[in-house]
Structures are given as C-alpha cells and as structure tokens.
Amino acid sequence: RFTISRDNAKNTVHLQMNSLKPEDTAVYYCNA
C-alpha cells in the first residue's frame, strides 16, 4: 500500500500512502 522513494538532488524522501485505513492514523516521523 505504501511506497518510499528518495530524490537525492532535492535532499527529499517521500512516502506515498494508498488505500489508507483508520489503523494508519498516527504521527509520522522522518528519520535519517
């Protein structure tokens, strides 16, 4: 359901979240 990706040229990481469920409710944190 989820896909993580990174763009090194932009110093950015993404998380594409599809088919979301109520159980996905949370605070989401980025980690390096």
PDB file of all heavy atoms in Angstrom:
ATOM      1  N   ARG A   1       0.810  -1.213   0.000  1.00  0.00           N
ATOM      2  CA  ARG A   1       0.000   0.000   0.000  1.00  0.00           C
ATOM      3  C   ARG A   1       0.850   1.271   0.000  1.00  0.00           C
ATOM      4  O   ARG A   1       0.431   2.282  -0.566  1.00  0.00           O
ATOM      5  CB  ARG A   1      -0.926   0.035   1.215  1.00  0.00           C
ATOM      6  CG  ARG A   1      -1.915  -1.125   1.273  1.00  0.00           C
ATOM      7  CD  ARG A   1      -2.920  -0.935   2.407  1.00  0.00           C
ATOM      8  NE  ARG A   1      -2.285  -0.939   3.716  1.00  0.00           N
ATOM      9  CZ  ARG A   1      -2.365   0.067   4.586  1.00  0.00           C
ATOM     10  NH1 ARG A   1      -3.071   1.155   4.295  1.00  0.00           N
ATOM     11  NH2 ARG A   1      -1.768  -0.029   5.771  1.00  0.00           N
ATOM     12  N   PHE A   2       2.003   1.223   0.658  1.00  0.00           N
ATOM     13  CA  PHE A   2       2.873   2.389   0.785  1.00  0.00           C
ATOM     14  C   PHE A   2       4.114   2.210  -0.080  1.00  0.00           C
ATOM     15  O   PHE A   2       4.595   1.087  -0.269  1.00  0.00           O
ATOM     16  CB  PHE A   2       3.320   2.588   2.231  1.00  0.00           C
ATOM     17  CG  PHE A   2       2.235   3.018   3.182  1.00  0.00           C
ATOM     18  CD1 PHE A   2       0.903   3.030   2.825  1.00  0.00           C
ATOM     19  CD2 PHE A   2       2.578   3.410   4.476  1.00  0.00           C
ATOM     20  CE1 PHE A   2      -0.091   3.425   3.712  1.00  0.00           C
ATOM     21  CE2 PHE A   2       1.604   3.803   5.377  1.00  0.00           C
ATOM     22  CZ  PHE A   2       0.270   3.812   4.998  1.00  0.00           C
ATOM     23  N   THR A   3       4.658   3.325  -0.553  1.00  0.00           N
ATOM     24  CA  THR A   3       5.892   3.314  -1.326  1.00  0.00           C
ATOM     25  C   THR A   3       6.805   4.429  -0.851  1.00  0.00           C
ATOM     26  O   THR A   3       6.400   5.593  -0.812  1.00  0.00           O
ATOM     27  CB  THR A   3       5.619   3.492  -2.830  1.00  0.00           C
ATOM     28  OG1 THR A   3       4.742   2.465  -3.299  1.00  0.00           O
ATOM     29  CG2 THR A   3       6.928   3.422  -3.615  1.00  0.00           C
ATOM     30  N   ILE A   4       8.024   4.072  -0.485  1.00  0.00           N
ATOM     31  CA  ILE A   4       9.011   5.066  -0.090  1.00  0.00           C
ATOM     32  C   ILE A   4       9.950   5.321  -1.264  1.00  0.00           C
ATOM     33  O   ILE A   4      10.287   4.405  -2.018  1.00  0.00           O
ATOM     34  CB  ILE A   4       9.797   4.611   1.161  1.00  0.00           C
ATOM     35  CG1 ILE A   4      10.668   5.749   1.698  1.00  0.00           C
ATOM     36  CG2 ILE A   4      10.627   3.363   0.882  1.00  0.00           C
ATOM     37  CD1 ILE A   4      11.291   5.451   3.059  1.00  0.00           C
ATOM     38  N   SER A   5      10.355   6.570  -1.428  1.00  0.00           N
ATOM     39  CA  SER A   5      11.264   6.934  -2.503  1.00  0.00           C
ATOM     40  C   SER A   5      12.133   8.094  -2.046  1.00  0.00           C
ATOM     41  O   SER A   5      11.816   8.771  -1.060  1.00  0.00           O
ATOM     42  CB  SER A   5      10.502   7.299  -3.782  1.00  0.00           C
ATOM     43  OG  SER A   5       9.655   8.413  -3.565  1.00  0.00           O
ATOM     44  N   ARG A   6      13.232   8.314  -2.755  1.00  0.00           N
ATOM     45  CA  ARG A   6      14.105   9.433  -2.410  1.00  0.00           C
ATOM     46  C   ARG A   6      14.569  10.145  -3.658  1.00  0.00           C
ATOM     47  O   ARG A   6      14.717   9.549  -4.726  1.00  0.00           O
ATOM     48  CB  ARG A   6      15.302   8.953  -1.578  1.00  0.00           C
ATOM     49  CG  ARG A   6      16.265   8.023  -2.304  1.00  0.00           C
ATOM     50  CD  ARG A   6      17.268   7.408  -1.317  1.00  0.00           C
ATOM     51  NE  ARG A   6      18.144   8.404  -0.726  1.00  0.00           N
ATOM     52  CZ  ARG A   6      18.776   8.258   0.437  1.00  0.00           C
ATOM     53  NH1 ARG A   6      18.601   7.141   1.149  1.00  0.00           N
ATOM     54  NH2 ARG A   6      19.569   9.215   0.894  1.00  0.00           N
ATOM     55  N   ASP A   7      14.797  11.438  -3.511  1.00  0.00           N
ATOM     56  CA  ASP A   7      15.308  12.280  -4.569  1.00  0.00           C
ATOM     57  C   ASP A   7      16.559  12.953  -4.019  1.00  0.00           C
ATOM     58  O   ASP A   7      16.471  13.952  -3.305  1.00  0.00           O
ATOM     59  CB  ASP A   7      14.260  13.311  -4.994  1.00  0.00           C
ATOM     60  CG  ASP A   7      14.699  14.139  -6.187  1.00  0.00           C
ATOM     61  OD1 ASP A   7      15.905  14.186  -6.494  1.00  0.00           O
ATOM     62  OD2 ASP A   7      13.833  14.753  -6.825  1.00  0.00           O
ATOM     63  N   ASN A   8      17.718  12.388  -4.338  1.00  0.00           N
ATOM     64  CA  ASN A   8      18.965  12.897  -3.773  1.00  0.00           C
ATOM     65  C   ASN A   8      19.292  14.316  -4.237  1.00  0.00           C
ATOM     66  O   ASN A   8      19.956  15.062  -3.526  1.00  0.00           O
ATOM     67  CB  ASN A   8      20.119  11.955  -4.120  1.00  0.00           C
ATOM     68  CG  ASN A   8      20.069  10.662  -3.343  1.00  0.00           C
ATOM     69  OD1 ASN A   8      19.330  10.535  -2.365  1.00  0.00           O
ATOM     70  ND2 ASN A   8      20.856   9.689  -3.772  1.00  0.00           N
ATOM     71  N   ALA A   9      18.831  14.676  -5.426  1.00  0.00           N
ATOM     72  CA  ALA A   9      19.083  16.017  -5.935  1.00  0.00           C
ATOM     73  C   ALA A   9      18.353  17.075  -5.130  1.00  0.00           C
ATOM     74  O   ALA A   9      18.759  18.236  -5.101  1.00  0.00           O
ATOM     75  CB  ALA A   9      18.694  16.112  -7.405  1.00  0.00           C
ATOM     76  N   LYS A  10      17.254  16.681  -4.481  1.00  0.00           N
ATOM     77  CA  LYS A  10      16.453  17.614  -3.693  1.00  0.00           C
ATOM     78  C   LYS A  10      16.518  17.344  -2.202  1.00  0.00           C
ATOM     79  O   LYS A  10      15.791  17.973  -1.432  1.00  0.00           O
ATOM     80  CB  LYS A  10      15.000  17.577  -4.160  1.00  0.00           C
ATOM     81  CG  LYS A  10      14.802  18.033  -5.592  1.00  0.00           C
ATOM     82  CD  LYS A  10      13.332  18.016  -5.972  1.00  0.00           C
ATOM     83  CE  LYS A  10      13.131  18.517  -7.386  1.00  0.00           C
ATOM     84  NZ  LYS A  10      11.702  18.510  -7.778  1.00  0.00           N
ATOM     85  N   ASN A  11      17.381  16.417  -1.783  1.00  0.00           N
ATOM     86  CA  ASN A  11      17.502  16.050  -0.367  1.00  0.00           C
ATOM     87  C   ASN A  11      16.142  15.729   0.246  1.00  0.00           C
ATOM     88  O   ASN A  11      15.829  16.156   1.363  1.00  0.00           O
ATOM     89  CB  ASN A  11      18.182  17.171   0.424  1.00  0.00           C
ATOM     90  CG  ASN A  11      19.680  17.207   0.222  1.00  0.00           C
ATOM     91  OD1 ASN A  11      20.223  16.621  -0.712  1.00  0.00           O
ATOM     92  ND2 ASN A  11      20.372  17.911   1.115  1.00  0.00           N
ATOM     93  N   THR A  12      15.352  14.957  -0.472  1.00  0.00           N
ATOM     94  CA  THR A  12      13.973  14.712  -0.078  1.00  0.00           C
ATOM     95  C   THR A  12      13.640  13.228  -0.124  1.00  0.00           C
ATOM     96  O   THR A  12      14.056  12.515  -1.042  1.00  0.00           O
ATOM     97  CB  THR A  12      13.007  15.482  -0.991  1.00  0.00           C
ATOM     98  OG1 THR A  12      13.294  16.881  -0.913  1.00  0.00           O
ATOM     99  CG2 THR A  12      11.559  15.250  -0.570  1.00  0.00           C
ATOM    100  N   VAL A  13      12.886  12.781   0.868  1.00  0.00           N
ATOM    101  CA  VAL A  13      12.334  11.435   0.883  1.00  0.00           C
ATOM    102  C   VAL A  13      10.816  11.554   0.933  1.00  0.00           C
ATOM    103  O   VAL A  13      10.279  12.447   1.603  1.00  0.00           O
ATOM    104  CB  VAL A  13      12.878  10.600   2.062  1.00  0.00           C
ATOM    105  CG1 VAL A  13      12.509  11.218   3.402  1.00  0.00           C
ATOM    106  CG2 VAL A  13      12.392   9.159   1.977  1.00  0.00           C
ATOM    107  N   HIS A  14      10.134  10.678   0.197  1.00  0.00           N
ATOM    108  CA  HIS A  14       8.676  10.696   0.124  1.00  0.00           C
ATOM    109  C   HIS A  14       8.095   9.387   0.636  1.00  0.00           C
ATOM    110  O   HIS A  14       8.747   8.346   0.609  1.00  0.00           O
ATOM    111  CB  HIS A  14       8.209  10.904  -1.315  1.00  0.00           C
ATOM    112  CG  HIS A  14       8.690  12.170  -1.947  1.00  0.00           C
ATOM    113  ND1 HIS A  14       8.114  13.389  -1.690  1.00  0.00           N
ATOM    114  CD2 HIS A  14       9.695  12.396  -2.829  1.00  0.00           C
ATOM    115  CE1 HIS A  14       8.739  14.321  -2.389  1.00  0.00           C
ATOM    116  NE2 HIS A  14       9.696  13.748  -3.088  1.00  0.00           N
ATOM    117  N   LEU A  15       6.857   9.462   1.070  1.00  0.00           N
ATOM    118  CA  LEU A  15       6.091   8.271   1.403  1.00  0.00           C
ATOM    119  C   LEU A  15       4.724   8.405   0.751  1.00  0.00           C
ATOM    120  O   LEU A  15       3.903   9.216   1.188  1.00  0.00           O
ATOM    121  CB  LEU A  15       5.943   8.091   2.916  1.00  0.00           C
ATOM    122  CG  LEU A  15       5.241   6.802   3.347  1.00  0.00           C
ATOM    123  CD1 LEU A  15       6.118   5.582   3.021  1.00  0.00           C
ATOM    124  CD2 LEU A  15       4.909   6.828   4.836  1.00  0.00           C
ATOM    125  N   GLN A  16       4.509   7.629  -0.302  1.00  0.00           N
ATOM    126  CA  GLN A  16       3.215   7.587  -0.963  1.00  0.00           C
ATOM    127  C   GLN A  16       2.348   6.561  -0.250  1.00  0.00           C
ATOM    128  O   GLN A  16       2.706   5.387  -0.178  1.00  0.00           O
ATOM    129  CB  GLN A  16       3.367   7.218  -2.436  1.00  0.00           C
ATOM    130  CG  GLN A  16       2.057   7.110  -3.202  1.00  0.00           C
ATOM    131  CD  GLN A  16       1.348   8.435  -3.329  1.00  0.00           C
ATOM    132  OE1 GLN A  16       1.962   9.435  -3.669  1.00  0.00           O
ATOM    133  NE2 GLN A  16       0.052   8.450  -3.051  1.00  0.00           N
ATOM    134  N   MET A  17       1.215   7.001   0.273  1.00  0.00           N
ATOM    135  CA  MET A  17       0.330   6.145   1.048  1.00  0.00           C
ATOM    136  C   MET A  17      -0.996   6.002   0.308  1.00  0.00           C
ATOM    137  O   MET A  17      -1.720   6.987   0.127  1.00  0.00           O
ATOM    138  CB  MET A  17       0.100   6.720   2.443  1.00  0.00           C
ATOM    139  CG  MET A  17       1.391   6.968   3.221  1.00  0.00           C
ATOM    140  SD  MET A  17       1.093   7.506   4.923  1.00  0.00           S
ATOM    141  CE  MET A  17       0.335   9.097   4.622  1.00  0.00           C
ATOM    142  N   ASN A  18      -1.308   4.786  -0.105  1.00  0.00           N
ATOM    143  CA  ASN A  18      -2.549   4.485  -0.800  1.00  0.00           C
ATOM    144  C   ASN A  18      -3.401   3.530   0.021  1.00  0.00           C
ATOM    145  O   ASN A  18      -2.910   2.878   0.940  1.00  0.00           O
ATOM    146  CB  ASN A  18      -2.260   3.865  -2.172  1.00  0.00           C
ATOM    147  CG  ASN A  18      -1.482   4.769  -3.081  1.00  0.00           C
ATOM    148  OD1 ASN A  18      -1.644   5.991  -3.057  1.00  0.00           O
ATOM    149  ND2 ASN A  18      -0.629   4.179  -3.918  1.00  0.00           N
ATOM    150  N   SER A  19      -4.667   3.443  -0.333  1.00  0.00           N
ATOM    151  CA  SER A  19      -5.606   2.543   0.347  1.00  0.00           C
ATOM    152  C   SER A  19      -5.529   2.699   1.858  1.00  0.00           C
ATOM    153  O   SER A  19      -5.446   1.721   2.607  1.00  0.00           O
ATOM    154  CB  SER A  19      -5.327   1.094  -0.059  1.00  0.00           C
ATOM    155  OG  SER A  19      -5.434   0.924  -1.454  1.00  0.00           O
ATOM    156  N   LEU A  20      -5.577   3.932   2.302  1.00  0.00           N
ATOM    157  CA  LEU A  20      -5.400   4.221   3.717  1.00  0.00           C
ATOM    158  C   LEU A  20      -6.533   3.655   4.562  1.00  0.00           C
ATOM    159  O   LEU A  20      -7.690   3.626   4.141  1.00  0.00           O
ATOM    160  CB  LEU A  20      -5.270   5.720   3.932  1.00  0.00           C
ATOM    161  CG  LEU A  20      -3.901   6.285   3.566  1.00  0.00           C
ATOM    162  CD1 LEU A  20      -3.970   7.789   3.373  1.00  0.00           C
ATOM    163  CD2 LEU A  20      -2.885   5.939   4.652  1.00  0.00           C
ATOM    164  N   LYS A  21      -6.163   3.210   5.756  1.00  0.00           N
ATOM    165  CA  LYS A  21      -7.085   2.628   6.712  1.00  0.00           C
ATOM    166  C   LYS A  21      -7.080   3.449   7.991  1.00  0.00           C
ATOM    167  O   LYS A  21      -6.096   4.121   8.291  1.00  0.00           O
ATOM    168  CB  LYS A  21      -6.669   1.186   7.037  1.00  0.00           C
ATOM    169  CG  LYS A  21      -6.521   0.275   5.841  1.00  0.00           C
ATOM    170  CD  LYS A  21      -5.971  -1.078   6.275  1.00  0.00           C
ATOM    171  CE  LYS A  21      -5.818  -2.001   5.089  1.00  0.00           C
ATOM    172  NZ  LYS A  21      -5.263  -3.320   5.498  1.00  0.00           N
ATOM    173  N   PRO A  22      -8.156   3.383   8.775  1.00  0.00           N
ATOM    174  CA  PRO A  22      -8.159   4.084  10.062  1.00  0.00           C
ATOM    175  C   PRO A  22      -6.979   3.698  10.952  1.00  0.00           C
ATOM    176  O   PRO A  22      -6.486   4.536  11.712  1.00  0.00           O
ATOM    177  CB  PRO A  22      -9.492   3.664  10.688  1.00  0.00           C
ATOM    178  CG  PRO A  22     -10.375   3.399   9.519  1.00  0.00           C
ATOM    179  CD  PRO A  22      -9.473   2.789   8.479  1.00  0.00           C
ATOM    180  N   GLU A  23      -6.514   2.459  10.841  1.00  0.00           N
ATOM    181  CA  GLU A  23      -5.379   1.997  11.626  1.00  0.00           C
ATOM    182  C   GLU A  23      -4.071   2.688  11.258  1.00  0.00           C
ATOM    183  O   GLU A  23      -3.084   2.571  11.991  1.00  0.00           O
ATOM    184  CB  GLU A  23      -5.200   0.477  11.481  1.00  0.00           C
ATOM    185  CG  GLU A  23      -6.454  -0.324  11.756  1.00  0.00           C
ATOM    186  CD  GLU A  23      -7.270  -0.562  10.499  1.00  0.00           C
ATOM    187  OE1 GLU A  23      -7.005  -1.563   9.802  1.00  0.00           O
ATOM    188  OE2 GLU A  23      -8.179   0.246  10.220  1.00  0.00           O
ATOM    189  N   ASP A  24      -4.045   3.388  10.132  1.00  0.00           N
ATOM    190  CA  ASP A  24      -2.862   4.135   9.728  1.00  0.00           C
ATOM    191  C   ASP A  24      -2.764   5.485  10.429  1.00  0.00           C
ATOM    192  O   ASP A  24      -1.755   6.179  10.282  1.00  0.00           O
ATOM    193  CB  ASP A  24      -2.855   4.362   8.216  1.00  0.00           C
ATOM    194  CG  ASP A  24      -2.748   3.063   7.433  1.00  0.00           C
ATOM    195  OD1 ASP A  24      -1.952   2.184   7.827  1.00  0.00           O
ATOM    196  OD2 ASP A  24      -3.460   2.932   6.415  1.00  0.00           O
ATOM    197  N   THR A  25      -3.795   5.859  11.161  1.00  0.00           N
ATOM    198  CA  THR A  25      -3.788   7.132  11.870  1.00  0.00           C
ATOM    199  C   THR A  25      -2.649   7.174  12.880  1.00  0.00           C
ATOM    200  O   THR A  25      -2.538   6.303  13.738  1.00  0.00           O
ATOM    201  CB  THR A  25      -5.127   7.356  12.580  1.00  0.00           C
ATOM    202  OG1 THR A  25      -6.172   7.470  11.607  1.00  0.00           O
ATOM    203  CG2 THR A  25      -5.093   8.628  13.416  1.00  0.00           C
ATOM    204  N   ALA A  26      -1.801   8.190  12.770  1.00  0.00           N
ATOM    205  CA  ALA A  26      -0.634   8.313  13.638  1.00  0.00           C
ATOM    206  C   ALA A  26       0.102   9.597  13.299  1.00  0.00           C
ATOM    207  O   ALA A  26      -0.192  10.258  12.300  1.00  0.00           O
ATOM    208  CB  ALA A  26       0.308   7.116  13.449  1.00  0.00           C
ATOM    209  N   VAL A  27       1.062   9.934  14.140  1.00  0.00           N
ATOM    210  CA  VAL A  27       2.038  10.946  13.795  1.00  0.00           C
ATOM    211  C   VAL A  27       3.176  10.256  13.068  1.00  0.00           C
ATOM    212  O   VAL A  27       3.735   9.274  13.569  1.00  0.00           O
ATOM    213  CB  VAL A  27       2.568  11.692  15.030  1.00  0.00           C
ATOM    214  CG1 VAL A  27       3.629  12.704  14.627  1.00  0.00           C
ATOM    215  CG2 VAL A  27       1.430  12.384  15.757  1.00  0.00           C
ATOM    216  N   TYR A  28       3.508  10.743  11.890  1.00  0.00           N
ATOM    217  CA  TYR A  28       4.548  10.149  11.065  1.00  0.00           C
ATOM    218  C   TYR A  28       5.823  10.974  11.163  1.00  0.00           C
ATOM    219  O   TYR A  28       5.794  12.197  10.998  1.00  0.00           O
ATOM    220  CB  TYR A  28       4.087  10.052   9.609  1.00  0.00           C
ATOM    221  CG  TYR A  28       3.107   8.927   9.375  1.00  0.00           C
ATOM    222  CD1 TYR A  28       1.814   8.993   9.878  1.00  0.00           C
ATOM    223  CD2 TYR A  28       3.482   7.790   8.663  1.00  0.00           C
ATOM    224  CE1 TYR A  28       0.917   7.959   9.692  1.00  0.00           C
ATOM    225  CE2 TYR A  28       2.586   6.753   8.470  1.00  0.00           C
ATOM    226  CZ  TYR A  28       1.307   6.835   8.984  1.00  0.00           C
ATOM    227  OH  TYR A  28       0.420   5.796   8.784  1.00  0.00           O
ATOM    228  N   TYR A  29       6.940  10.289  11.421  1.00  0.00           N
ATOM    229  CA  TYR A  29       8.221  10.933  11.630  1.00  0.00           C
ATOM    230  C   TYR A  29       9.231  10.521  10.570  1.00  0.00           C
ATOM    231  O   TYR A  29       9.335   9.344  10.222  1.00  0.00           O
ATOM    232  CB  TYR A  29       8.798  10.566  12.996  1.00  0.00           C
ATOM    233  CG  TYR A  29       7.982  11.036  14.171  1.00  0.00           C
ATOM    234  CD1 TYR A  29       6.997  10.230  14.723  1.00  0.00           C
ATOM    235  CD2 TYR A  29       8.202  12.290  14.736  1.00  0.00           C
ATOM    236  CE1 TYR A  29       6.244  10.649  15.803  1.00  0.00           C
ATOM    237  CE2 TYR A  29       7.456  12.722  15.816  1.00  0.00           C
ATOM    238  CZ  TYR A  29       6.480  11.895  16.346  1.00  0.00           C
ATOM    239  OH  TYR A  29       5.740  12.313  17.426  1.00  0.00           O
ATOM    240  N   CYS A  30       9.993  11.477  10.106  1.00  0.00           N
ATOM    241  CA  CYS A  30      11.096  11.244   9.185  1.00  0.00           C
ATOM    242  C   CYS A  30      12.376  10.980   9.974  1.00  0.00           C
ATOM    243  O   CYS A  30      12.643  11.648  10.979  1.00  0.00           O
ATOM    244  CB  CYS A  30      11.264  12.464   8.279  1.00  0.00           C
ATOM    245  SG  CYS A  30      12.582  12.337   7.058  1.00  0.00           S
ATOM    246  N   ASN A  31      13.157  10.012   9.523  1.00  0.00           N
ATOM    247  CA  ASN A  31      14.394   9.627  10.203  1.00  0.00           C
ATOM    248  C   ASN A  31      15.542   9.548   9.205  1.00  0.00           C
ATOM    249  O   ASN A  31      15.371   9.050   8.093  1.00  0.00           O
ATOM    250  CB  ASN A  31      14.208   8.277  10.899  1.00  0.00           C
ATOM    251  CG  ASN A  31      15.502   7.700  11.435  1.00  0.00           C
ATOM    252  OD1 ASN A  31      16.171   6.899  10.763  1.00  0.00           O
ATOM    253  ND2 ASN A  31      15.862   8.096  12.644  1.00  0.00           N
ATOM    254  N   ALA A  32      16.708  10.031   9.616  1.00  0.00           N
ATOM    255  CA  ALA A  32      17.925   9.933   8.818  1.00  0.00           C
ATOM    256  C   ALA A  32      19.012   9.273   9.647  1.00  0.00           C
ATOM    257  O   ALA A  32      19.250   9.665  10.789  1.00  0.00           O
ATOM    258  CB  ALA A  32      18.377  11.318   8.354  1.00  0.00           C
TER     259      ALA A  32
END
